[in-house]
Amino acid sequence: MVKRYIEHYTKPGNIVLDAFAGTGMTGVAAMMSGRNAILCEISPACIHIARNYTTPIDPKIFQKAYYQLREKIEPEIKPLYKTKSAKPSDSLFKDLRSFIIEARKDVARSVNSALVILYWKVGQRIRQDILKEKRAEYGEEILSTLSRKLVAEFGSGFTARNLANMVRFAEVFQGEKILHTLCAKLSWSHFRLIIYLDDDLKRDFYAEMCRLEGWSVRTLEKKIAGMLFERTALSKKPEKVIREELDYLRSEDKLTPDLVFRDPYFLDFLGLKDSYSEKDLETVILRELESFILSYFSN
């Protein structure tokens, strides 16, 4: 309201007086409107309020003095009080935006890692109790009982089905140290797909490929459905060699040729010889294996 009043009764560059200056609001509004501000006031109302604290001044006398003073000093003080609207640079905004986005990502990664480790610990603890009893029916009973109590207090993330997933998770990933590396890139949804693969080599392969290439859950699902592991040259190697290749991938973050190159029998099935162009491969896949395109090519 003060700003609108100033803009209505004054022009840009005028000096606005604010003698009482209780909050400085008038001065701020004046500067926002492109006016200049001096902390003085000719309003009788303000003088009346301040009568007990100041010497009364006739507003007419002060007004006359004000105009004389203005005529004398305005040319000198006007450049000093001339304000420009502040506008942040594009680089400043971009930097701040990137800080915020990165901080959000860091928070998301931290929460995801904590959640995955929590689920592993829950599964490990339940598994220890079930193994101690050595009864399959005991496992079903305890999951059902625990689920009712945990869901009541902590929500639907602890249903009997999800608790069973956690137990399976602890069974197939028995090293917590490896998990700390994987959960920086893999979510619980990734792990739920991987833990039910029937071979530990496949599980390690897909987990490490997810970590290295940053696959989404949907991409991982399509890679598994497209039998990517079976179609690599690595899958035809002895188990010991496969484990060595996966250990190398885990420690060096580098893909070996056997992880990259596809099974030659698969290429032969497509009718491709040892020497073929990328265009030949693309054409054949589009014609014969359209449903496997996404799983065949790395994102």
Foldseek 3Di string as FASTA:
>chain_A
DLLVVCVVPDDALAEDEAQLCPPCPNQVSQLVNNYHYDHHDLDPVSCVVCVVPDPDDHSVVVVVVVVVVCVVCSVPCSVVSGDDDDDDDPVVVVVVVVVVVVVVLVVVLVVQLVVLLVLLVLLVVLLVVCVVVVDPVVSLVVLCVVQVVCCVPPNDCRHSVNSVLSVLLCVLDVDVVVSSLQSSQDGPLQSSVLSPDPDSLSSLLLSLCCSLQVDDSVLSVLLVVLVLVVFFQLVPDDPVVSVVQSVCCSVVVDHDNRSQHTDVVVCVVLVHDPDDDPVSVVVSCVVPPVSNVSNNDRD
